[in-house]
Amino acid sequence: MKPAISVIIPVYNAAPYLEECVGSVLKQSFENFEVILVDDCSADGSSAICDDLVKVDDRLKVLHLDRNGGTGPARNKGLKAALGNYIAFLDDDDAYLQDLLENLYQAAEKYQADVVSTIGFDNWERDKITRRIWGIPTENDIQLPQDMRARMELWKEEKLSWVIWNKLFKHSFLKDKGIDFKPIPIADDKFFHFRCVCEAGVYVQIPAVGNLYRIHPSVSQFHEDDENFLSKAMQAMRLEQEYLTEYISSHKLFVKDKELWEQVRQAYTRTSLDFFRSELGCTGAEFRGESRLSAAIDHAWQGEKNGWLACYFFKQAEYWRSKALNGKDEEHRRYLFPYHLFRPGMKVVLYGAGEVGVSFYDQLQNHHYVTLVGVVDGRGGEVNFPVPVEPVGALKNMDYDAVLISVRFRHLAQEIKNRLQNIGVEEKCIYWDGDNYEEEDFLRNYYFRKLAAIKQVR
């Protein structure tokens, strides 16, 4: 008999948890399902456990992959092998509560839904369970609005959980829309779910909780000390934005509504940064993330086409840092330091001790992405500034890679550039991007322009 539901479980080095995970599916009150274990080249005995489990129940099958590819490609293999009318996912260290599949299936059939989601899940840490509601609080079933702008508002406000293991997906819907998992190294389910939100005809949330999400006590500390994980995190953010840009630039809703397009892209970046904030060292009473931020930006920086991510990242990190140190929101910054102009570690002199220069100085004290050599100004020591301001002639005695002109207006910048060249500063060492210093200008002229350029490059 054809199964009603295919439960796909990617497996990688989950030996301590795998039997409990699979057992929670076999104990479901709903019994018409198949379980597809996709072994992603485990090295801890998980492969043998999978082979033993399939002997226990004929609803279990196992796929052994030839090479490790991550959860996304493993789930795609499971999708190709699935026979069920609906698809469910489960991580190899988590578990289902007994009635989850029953509740999801009944709602899917009742509403003929493309997607059904529960209202939340239970966090499972050291045998202590705490309930998390990540949805629209309600005691009744809810259908998401058909109006896509209204649906996007719920998504931007994080009213819709983007995890996939508390949901049921109509198999034919995923096939018809070509929705699968992209090779994003971490949190690949986020883009998968975003496409489902955009493409689903009927998307239903039910007031049930049916998952145990295991929180490993050692994971956060491990990630904080794991440079490889940080690299993967930044790679994931880059790939997310590239796939997102490619998708929404061809979606009729976003093509017609450019403002919504920009709002969605900002929200997507914000939620990704928030997801990785503990790994970036941006939480806790004692802020210790200076080196983490420098390392993160090194990994994020992949040439000029990704300069927008560098600036956006530092802008968000500024807020996190202030919250961690001061317990309050960072004062709104009118001017953003142009990180996109520089390579990490460059020696920089600020020319200009006005409002722009002060803002740049403050940001460089927080994020040591470049080395501040000094500050010069035509007024020399006559201006009020956090550090001594030298006359322009002092440049002759400074060791620098670049002089950043810290004024907003083009005509003043040109005058300063001429002055610098007259005293022997090489043109290649003079930097200015005043058209993008102001936050709104940066987002409009640089950030979103670079995102659009990514699609053209691809």
Protein backbone atom coordinates (compact mmCIF):
# COMPACT_ATOMS: atom_id res chain seq x y z
CA MET A 1 0.00 0.00 0.00
CA LYS A 2 1.27 3.45 -0.89
CA PRO A 3 2.22 5.38 2.26
CA ALA A 4 0.31 8.55 3.06
CA ILE A 5 3.41 10.21 4.54
CA SER A 6 7.13 9.88 3.86
CA VAL A 7 9.27 10.89 6.85
CA ILE A 8 12.78 11.87 5.71
CA ILE A 9 15.60 11.74 8.27
CA PRO A 10 19.11 12.81 7.19
CA VAL A 11 21.61 10.93 9.34
CA TYR A 12 25.15 12.03 10.16
CA ASN A 13 27.08 10.88 13.25
CA ALA A 14 23.97 10.61 15.42
CA ALA A 15 24.63 7.24 17.04
CA PRO A 16 23.62 8.27 20.60
CA TYR A 17 20.21 9.55 19.48
CA LEU A 18 19.22 7.68 16.34
CA GLU A 19 17.24 4.79 17.84
CA GLU A 20 15.25 7.16 20.04
CA CYS A 21 14.60 9.44 17.05
CA VAL A 22 13.35 6.63 14.79
CA GLY A 23 11.45 5.02 17.66
CA SER A 24 9.42 8.21 18.13
CA VAL A 25 8.19 7.86 14.53
CA LEU A 26 7.38 4.16 14.86
CA LYS A 27 5.28 4.95 17.96
CA GLN A 28 3.07 7.47 16.12
CA SER A 29 -0.69 7.08 16.49
CA PHE A 30 -0.84 7.53 12.71
CA GLU A 31 0.65 4.40 11.12
CA ASN A 32 0.44 4.79 7.33
CA PHE A 33 3.93 6.14 6.70
CA GLU A 34 7.39 5.23 5.47
CA VAL A 35 10.64 6.38 7.04
CA ILE A 36 13.59 7.13 4.76
CA LEU A 37 16.92 7.24 6.57
CA VAL A 38 19.55 8.99 4.45
CA ASP A 39 22.98 8.12 5.80
CA ASP A 40 25.32 10.99 4.87
CA CYS A 41 28.57 8.98 5.24
CA SER A 42 28.47 8.77 9.02
CA ALA A 43 31.70 7.79 10.75
CA ASP A 44 30.46 6.93 14.25
CA GLY A 45 28.50 3.72 13.73
CA SER A 46 25.29 5.42 12.62
CA SER A 47 25.42 3.58 9.29
CA ALA A 48 25.28 0.19 11.02
CA ILE A 49 22.47 1.38 13.29
CA CYS A 50 20.46 2.38 10.20
CA ASP A 51 20.98 -1.09 8.71
CA ASP A 52 19.83 -2.73 11.95
CA LEU A 53 16.77 -0.48 12.25
CA VAL A 54 15.39 -1.33 8.82
CA LYS A 55 15.20 -4.97 9.93
CA VAL A 56 12.82 -4.01 12.73
CA ASP A 57 9.98 -2.54 10.65
CA ASP A 58 9.28 -2.86 6.93
CA ARG A 59 8.18 0.80 6.85
CA LEU A 60 11.85 1.75 7.23
CA LYS A 61 14.32 2.07 4.37
CA VAL A 62 17.87 3.38 4.27
CA LEU A 63 19.89 5.18 1.59
CA HIS A 64 23.67 5.23 2.01
CA LEU A 65 25.28 8.17 0.20
CA ASP A 66 28.69 7.89 -1.47
CA ARG A 67 30.01 11.13 0.00
CA ASN A 68 29.09 13.59 2.71
CA GLY A 69 27.10 16.52 1.32
CA GLY A 70 25.19 17.99 4.27
CA THR A 71 21.55 17.93 5.28
CA GLY A 72 20.19 19.69 2.17
CA PRO A 73 21.52 17.25 -0.44
CA ALA A 74 20.62 14.34 1.87
CA ARG A 75 17.03 15.55 2.14
CA ASN A 76 16.90 15.94 -1.65
CA LYS A 77 17.90 12.27 -2.01
CA GLY A 78 15.10 11.37 0.36
CA LEU A 79 12.62 13.46 -1.61
CA LYS A 80 13.49 11.63 -4.84
CA ALA A 81 12.93 8.27 -3.18
CA ALA A 82 9.76 9.23 -1.31
CA LEU A 83 6.45 7.55 -2.22
CA GLY A 84 4.12 9.34 0.21
CA ASN A 85 1.42 11.85 -0.68
CA TYR A 86 2.88 14.10 2.01
CA ILE A 87 6.42 14.76 3.16
CA ALA A 88 7.61 15.24 6.74
CA PHE A 89 11.14 15.88 7.96
CA LEU A 90 12.91 15.02 11.21
CA ASP A 91 16.46 15.68 12.38
CA ASP A 92 18.43 12.66 13.54
CA ASP A 93 18.79 13.85 17.15
CA ASP A 94 15.20 15.07 17.69
CA ALA A 95 11.90 13.27 18.21
CA TYR A 96 8.18 13.39 17.47
CA LEU A 97 5.47 13.47 20.09
CA GLN A 98 3.01 10.63 19.61
CA ASP A 99 0.18 12.44 17.79
CA LEU A 100 2.17 14.78 15.52
CA LEU A 101 1.67 13.00 12.20
CA GLU A 102 -2.01 12.36 12.99
CA ASN A 103 -2.65 16.05 13.70
CA LEU A 104 -0.75 17.23 10.64
CA TYR A 105 -2.36 14.70 8.30
CA GLN A 106 -5.92 15.41 9.43
CA ALA A 107 -5.43 19.14 8.86
CA ALA A 108 -3.80 18.58 5.47
CA GLU A 109 -6.72 16.47 4.29
CA LYS A 110 -9.37 18.74 5.80
CA TYR A 111 -8.06 21.89 4.10
CA GLN A 112 -6.36 20.24 1.11
CA ALA A 113 -3.32 22.18 2.22
CA ASP A 114 0.04 22.47 0.55
CA VAL A 115 1.70 23.14 3.91
CA VAL A 116 0.57 22.46 7.49
CA SER A 117 2.57 23.69 10.47
CA THR A 118 2.20 23.31 14.21
CA ILE A 119 2.25 26.37 16.44
CA GLY A 120 5.58 25.56 18.07
CA PHE A 121 7.73 22.85 19.61
CA ASP A 122 9.36 21.74 22.86
CA ASN A 123 13.02 22.53 23.49
CA TRP A 124 14.68 19.51 25.06
CA GLU A 125 17.81 20.25 27.11
CA ARG A 126 19.32 18.12 29.90
CA ASP A 127 15.98 16.30 30.25
CA LYS A 128 14.28 19.63 30.86
CA ILE A 129 11.52 20.57 28.42
CA THR A 130 10.42 24.14 27.76
CA ARG A 131 7.73 25.00 25.25
CA ARG A 132 8.40 27.52 22.50
CA ILE A 133 5.54 29.08 20.57
CA TRP A 134 6.89 30.24 17.21
CA GLY A 135 3.75 31.02 15.30
CA ILE A 136 0.52 32.96 15.51
CA PRO A 137 -0.88 32.35 19.02
CA THR A 138 -4.34 30.87 18.63
CA GLU A 139 -6.58 28.05 19.82
CA ASN A 140 -7.97 27.43 16.35
CA ASP A 141 -6.66 26.41 12.95
CA ILE A 142 -5.51 29.37 10.87
CA GLN A 143 -5.15 29.64 7.12
CA LEU A 144 -2.57 32.16 6.01
CA PRO A 145 -4.02 34.99 3.91
CA GLN A 146 -4.12 34.48 0.16
CA ASP A 147 -2.92 38.06 -0.30
CA MET A 148 0.83 37.62 -0.60
CA ARG A 149 1.69 41.05 0.78
CA ALA A 150 -0.20 40.22 3.96
CA ARG A 151 1.52 36.83 4.08
CA MET A 152 4.92 38.49 3.70
CA GLU A 153 4.13 40.78 6.63
CA LEU A 154 3.69 37.70 8.83
CA TRP A 155 6.95 36.27 7.52
CA LYS A 156 8.89 39.52 8.08
CA GLU A 157 7.56 39.72 11.65
CA GLU A 158 8.77 36.12 12.25
CA LYS A 159 5.26 34.91 12.96
CA LEU A 160 5.99 31.86 10.77
CA SER A 161 8.63 29.42 11.97
CA TRP A 162 11.08 28.59 9.19
CA VAL A 163 12.10 25.20 10.60
CA ILE A 164 10.71 22.32 8.55
CA TRP A 165 10.49 19.48 11.07
CA ASN A 166 7.19 20.71 12.60
CA LYS A 167 5.45 20.75 9.23
CA LEU A 168 3.84 18.55 6.59
CA PHE A 169 4.22 19.30 2.87
CA LYS A 170 2.11 18.02 0.00
CA HIS A 171 4.47 16.02 -2.16
CA SER A 172 2.88 17.04 -5.46
CA PHE A 173 3.14 20.71 -4.42
CA LEU A 174 6.90 20.45 -3.90
CA LYS A 175 7.32 18.67 -7.24
CA ASP A 176 5.12 21.05 -9.22
CA LYS A 177 6.88 24.14 -7.84
CA GLY A 178 10.36 22.63 -8.05
CA ILE A 179 11.03 23.28 -4.37
CA ASP A 180 14.07 21.49 -3.02
CA PHE A 181 17.05 22.20 -0.79
CA LYS A 182 19.94 24.36 -1.96
CA PRO A 183 23.53 23.46 -0.97
CA ILE A 184 23.63 25.97 1.89
CA PRO A 185 25.94 24.59 4.61
CA ILE A 186 23.85 25.67 7.63
CA ALA A 187 20.10 26.25 8.06
CA ASP A 188 19.25 25.17 4.51
CA ASP A 189 15.61 24.79 5.54
CA LYS A 190 15.15 28.56 5.78
CA PHE A 191 15.16 29.22 2.03
CA PHE A 192 13.15 26.03 1.42
CA HIS A 193 10.45 27.32 3.76
CA PHE A 194 10.53 30.84 2.31
CA ARG A 195 9.70 29.44 -1.11
CA CYS A 196 6.86 27.41 0.41
CA VAL A 197 5.42 30.55 1.98
CA CYS A 198 5.56 32.30 -1.40
CA GLU A 199 4.24 29.40 -3.48
CA ALA A 200 1.69 27.58 -1.29
CA GLY A 201 -1.96 27.98 -2.21
CA VAL A 202 -3.22 26.85 1.20
CA TYR A 203 -0.90 27.14 4.19
CA VAL A 204 -2.42 26.14 7.53
CA GLN A 205 -1.22 26.50 11.10
CA ILE A 206 -2.75 24.23 13.75
CA PRO A 207 -2.69 24.88 17.53
CA ALA A 208 -0.63 21.79 18.35
CA VAL A 209 2.93 21.09 19.50
CA GLY A 210 4.43 17.83 18.36
CA ASN A 211 8.24 18.02 18.31
CA LEU A 212 11.06 17.61 20.79
CA TYR A 213 13.99 19.73 19.62
CA ARG A 214 17.18 18.62 21.32
CA ILE A 215 19.51 21.41 22.50
CA HIS A 216 23.03 20.13 23.04
CA PRO A 217 24.71 21.94 25.98
CA SER A 218 28.13 21.86 24.31
CA VAL A 219 27.07 23.14 20.91
CA SER A 220 27.19 26.90 21.54
CA GLN A 221 30.63 26.77 23.15
CA PHE A 222 31.86 24.47 20.41
CA HIS A 223 30.72 26.84 17.72
CA GLU A 224 32.27 29.83 19.47
CA ASP A 225 35.66 28.11 19.30
CA ASP A 226 35.26 26.55 15.86
CA GLU A 227 36.68 28.72 13.10
CA ASN A 228 35.38 26.27 10.50
CA PHE A 229 31.82 26.73 11.73
CA LEU A 230 32.17 30.50 11.52
CA SER A 231 33.37 30.16 7.94
CA LYS A 232 30.33 27.99 7.15
CA ALA A 233 28.02 30.50 8.80
CA MET A 234 29.25 33.37 6.65
CA GLN A 235 29.23 31.18 3.54
CA ALA A 236 25.63 30.27 4.33
CA MET A 237 24.65 33.93 4.55
CA ARG A 238 26.25 34.71 1.20
CA LEU A 239 24.56 31.79 -0.52
CA GLU A 240 21.21 32.60 1.07
CA GLN A 241 21.30 36.08 -0.37
CA GLU A 242 22.33 34.88 -3.82
CA TYR A 243 19.54 32.29 -4.00
CA LEU A 244 17.06 34.77 -2.51
CA THR A 245 17.97 37.47 -5.01
CA GLU A 246 17.75 35.06 -7.93
CA TYR A 247 14.33 33.88 -6.78
CA ILE A 248 12.61 37.16 -5.90
CA SER A 249 13.96 38.98 -8.95
CA SER A 250 11.85 36.64 -11.10
CA HIS A 251 8.78 36.52 -8.81
CA LYS A 252 5.96 38.68 -10.15
CA LEU A 253 5.00 40.00 -6.71
CA PHE A 254 8.45 41.38 -5.96
CA VAL A 255 9.03 42.61 -9.50
CA LYS A 256 5.92 44.79 -9.15
CA ASP A 257 6.63 45.90 -5.59
CA LYS A 258 10.27 46.98 -5.25
CA GLU A 259 9.72 48.32 -1.74
CA LEU A 260 8.55 44.89 -0.56
CA TRP A 261 11.53 43.35 -2.37
CA GLU A 262 13.94 45.49 -0.35
CA GLN A 263 12.09 44.88 2.93
CA VAL A 264 12.21 41.12 2.45
CA ARG A 265 15.92 41.11 1.67
CA GLN A 266 16.71 43.21 4.73
CA ALA A 267 14.55 40.98 6.95
CA TYR A 268 16.19 37.86 5.56
CA THR A 269 19.67 39.17 6.36
CA ARG A 270 18.62 40.35 9.81
CA THR A 271 17.16 36.99 10.80
CA SER A 272 20.23 35.14 9.53
CA LEU A 273 22.55 37.37 11.54
CA ASP A 274 20.37 36.87 14.58
CA PHE A 275 20.47 33.09 14.09
CA PHE A 276 24.29 33.14 14.24
CA ARG A 277 24.70 35.86 16.86
CA SER A 278 25.91 33.56 19.67
CA GLU A 279 28.53 32.02 17.39
CA LEU A 280 29.70 35.52 16.49
CA GLY A 281 30.28 36.34 20.15
CA CYS A 282 27.57 39.00 20.30
CA THR A 283 25.58 37.88 23.33
CA GLY A 284 26.08 37.76 27.07
CA ALA A 285 26.76 40.30 29.80
CA GLU A 286 30.43 40.52 28.84
CA PHE A 287 31.02 41.32 25.20
CA ARG A 288 34.00 39.34 23.92
CA GLY A 289 33.28 39.37 20.24
CA GLU A 290 35.87 41.79 18.85
CA SER A 291 38.07 39.05 17.39
CA ARG A 292 35.02 37.06 16.35
CA LEU A 293 33.70 40.01 14.36
CA SER A 294 37.04 40.49 12.65
CA ALA A 295 37.19 36.81 11.79
CA ALA A 296 33.60 36.85 10.57
CA ILE A 297 34.17 39.71 8.21
CA ASP A 298 37.27 38.00 6.84
CA HIS A 299 35.11 35.02 5.95
CA ALA A 300 32.27 37.17 4.65
CA TRP A 301 34.52 39.15 2.35
CA GLN A 302 34.67 37.44 -1.02
CA GLY A 303 35.51 40.27 -3.36
CA GLU A 304 33.79 43.52 -4.19
CA LYS A 305 30.46 41.97 -5.17
CA ASN A 306 29.87 41.05 -1.52
CA GLY A 307 30.87 44.42 -0.05
CA TRP A 308 27.21 45.05 0.80
CA LEU A 309 27.25 42.13 3.23
CA ALA A 310 30.31 43.47 5.01
CA CYS A 311 28.66 46.83 5.66
CA TYR A 312 25.32 45.37 6.62
CA PHE A 313 27.01 42.93 8.98
CA PHE A 314 28.93 45.64 10.80
CA LYS A 315 25.85 47.81 11.07
CA GLN A 316 23.97 45.01 12.82
CA ALA A 317 26.96 44.04 14.94
CA GLU A 318 27.18 47.62 16.22
CA TYR A 319 23.73 47.21 17.69
CA TRP A 320 24.55 43.83 19.27
CA ARG A 321 27.73 45.14 20.80
CA SER A 322 26.02 48.11 22.41
CA LYS A 323 23.29 45.88 23.83
CA ALA A 324 25.86 43.51 25.31
CA LEU A 325 28.04 46.25 26.81
CA ASN A 326 25.49 48.83 27.84
CA GLY A 327 22.21 46.96 28.02
CA LYS A 328 20.60 49.51 25.73
CA ASP A 329 20.09 50.17 22.06
CA GLU A 330 22.91 51.79 20.11
CA GLU A 331 22.18 55.37 19.18
CA HIS A 332 21.07 55.58 15.57
CA ARG A 333 24.06 56.18 13.29
CA ARG A 334 23.54 58.58 10.45
CA TYR A 335 26.85 57.75 8.77
CA LEU A 336 28.22 54.25 8.19
CA PHE A 337 31.93 53.56 7.86
CA PRO A 338 32.57 52.37 4.26
CA TYR A 339 33.97 48.93 5.06
CA HIS A 340 33.33 47.94 1.47
CA LEU A 341 36.29 50.10 0.35
CA PHE A 342 38.91 48.34 2.46
CA ARG A 343 40.63 45.03 2.98
CA PRO A 344 40.98 43.73 6.53
CA GLY A 345 43.97 45.15 8.39
CA MET A 346 44.63 48.16 6.13
CA LYS A 347 46.24 51.16 7.85
CA VAL A 348 43.89 54.11 7.49
CA VAL A 349 44.06 57.84 8.27
CA LEU A 350 40.81 59.77 8.63
CA TYR A 351 40.80 63.18 6.97
CA GLY A 352 38.00 65.16 8.56
CA ALA A 353 37.07 65.74 12.20
CA GLY A 354 33.44 66.75 11.73
CA GLU A 355 30.26 64.74 12.27
CA VAL A 356 31.20 62.16 9.64
CA GLY A 357 34.72 61.72 11.02
CA VAL A 358 33.47 61.30 14.60
CA SER A 359 30.99 58.61 13.49
CA PHE A 360 33.69 56.74 11.58
CA TYR A 361 36.09 56.98 14.53
CA ASP A 362 33.50 55.57 16.95
CA GLN A 363 32.78 52.61 14.69
CA LEU A 364 36.45 51.79 14.27
CA GLN A 365 36.87 51.70 18.05
CA ASN A 366 34.24 48.97 18.18
CA HIS A 367 35.30 46.95 15.13
CA HIS A 368 39.00 46.61 14.44
CA TYR A 369 38.52 45.72 10.82
CA VAL A 370 41.13 48.27 9.75
CA THR A 371 43.89 49.93 11.78
CA LEU A 372 43.33 53.61 12.50
CA VAL A 373 46.71 55.35 12.15
CA GLY A 374 45.54 58.87 12.93
CA VAL A 375 43.15 61.73 12.26
CA VAL A 376 44.03 64.87 10.31
CA ASP A 377 42.05 67.99 9.49
CA GLY A 378 42.67 71.37 7.88
CA ARG A 379 41.96 72.97 11.25
CA GLY A 380 44.54 70.81 13.01
CA GLY A 381 44.26 70.76 16.80
CA GLU A 382 41.54 73.42 16.90
CA VAL A 383 38.64 70.94 16.67
CA ASN A 384 36.95 68.96 19.43
CA PHE A 385 37.55 65.26 18.75
CA PRO A 386 37.95 62.10 20.90
CA VAL A 387 41.69 61.93 20.03
CA PRO A 388 44.25 64.56 19.03
CA VAL A 389 43.75 65.83 15.48
CA GLU A 390 46.93 66.52 13.52
CA PRO A 391 47.45 69.12 10.79
CA VAL A 392 47.44 67.76 7.24
CA GLY A 393 51.22 68.03 6.98
CA ALA A 394 51.59 65.34 9.63
CA LEU A 395 50.72 62.77 6.95
CA LYS A 396 54.35 62.92 5.81
CA ASN A 397 55.36 61.17 9.04
CA MET A 398 52.58 58.58 9.10
CA ASP A 399 52.70 54.99 7.83
CA TYR A 400 49.38 54.39 6.07
CA ASP A 401 47.77 52.47 3.22
CA ALA A 402 44.87 54.85 2.69
CA VAL A 403 43.55 58.28 3.59
CA LEU A 404 39.75 58.25 3.93
CA ILE A 405 38.15 61.61 3.20
CA SER A 406 35.46 61.85 5.88
CA VAL A 407 33.22 64.53 4.47
CA ARG A 408 29.82 64.09 2.87
CA PHE A 409 29.85 66.54 -0.04
CA ARG A 410 31.55 65.86 -3.33
CA HIS A 411 32.90 69.38 -3.96
CA LEU A 412 34.60 69.48 -0.55
CA ALA A 413 36.00 66.00 -1.10
CA GLN A 414 37.50 67.11 -4.40
CA GLU A 415 39.16 70.10 -2.76
CA ILE A 416 40.64 67.86 -0.08
CA LYS A 417 41.83 65.36 -2.69
CA ASN A 418 43.63 68.14 -4.56
CA ARG A 419 45.21 69.32 -1.32
CA LEU A 420 46.41 65.81 -0.51
CA GLN A 421 47.91 65.28 -3.93
CA ASN A 422 49.69 68.65 -3.68
CA ILE A 423 51.56 67.44 -0.59
CA GLY A 424 52.54 64.16 -2.26
CA VAL A 425 49.77 61.71 -1.32
CA GLU A 426 49.32 59.25 -4.19
CA GLU A 427 45.87 59.24 -5.81
CA LYS A 428 45.53 55.44 -5.32
CA CYS A 429 45.78 56.00 -1.55
CA ILE A 430 42.94 58.54 -1.39
CA TYR A 431 39.50 57.05 -0.65
CA TRP A 432 36.07 58.67 -0.65
CA ASP A 433 32.54 57.36 -1.10
CA GLY A 434 30.44 60.16 0.31
CA ASP A 435 27.46 59.30 -1.88
CA ASN A 436 27.06 56.19 0.30
CA TYR A 437 28.14 57.42 3.74
CA GLU A 438 24.61 58.12 4.96
CA GLU A 439 22.73 55.02 5.99
CA GLU A 440 19.78 55.56 3.68
CA ASP A 441 22.07 56.34 0.75
CA PHE A 442 24.17 53.27 1.45
CA LEU A 443 21.17 50.95 1.50
CA ARG A 444 19.64 52.52 -1.59
CA ASN A 445 22.71 53.19 -3.73
CA TYR A 446 25.11 50.48 -2.69
CA TYR A 447 23.55 47.64 -0.72
CA PHE A 448 20.63 46.90 -3.02
CA ARG A 449 22.57 47.75 -6.16
CA LYS A 450 25.13 45.11 -5.22
CA LEU A 451 22.40 42.55 -4.56
CA ALA A 452 20.99 43.18 -8.02
CA ALA A 453 24.49 42.82 -9.51
CA ILE A 454 24.82 39.35 -8.01
CA LYS A 455 22.03 38.07 -10.22
CA GLN A 456 23.70 39.52 -13.28
CA VAL A 457 26.99 37.85 -12.36
CA ARG A 458 25.26 34.49 -11.87
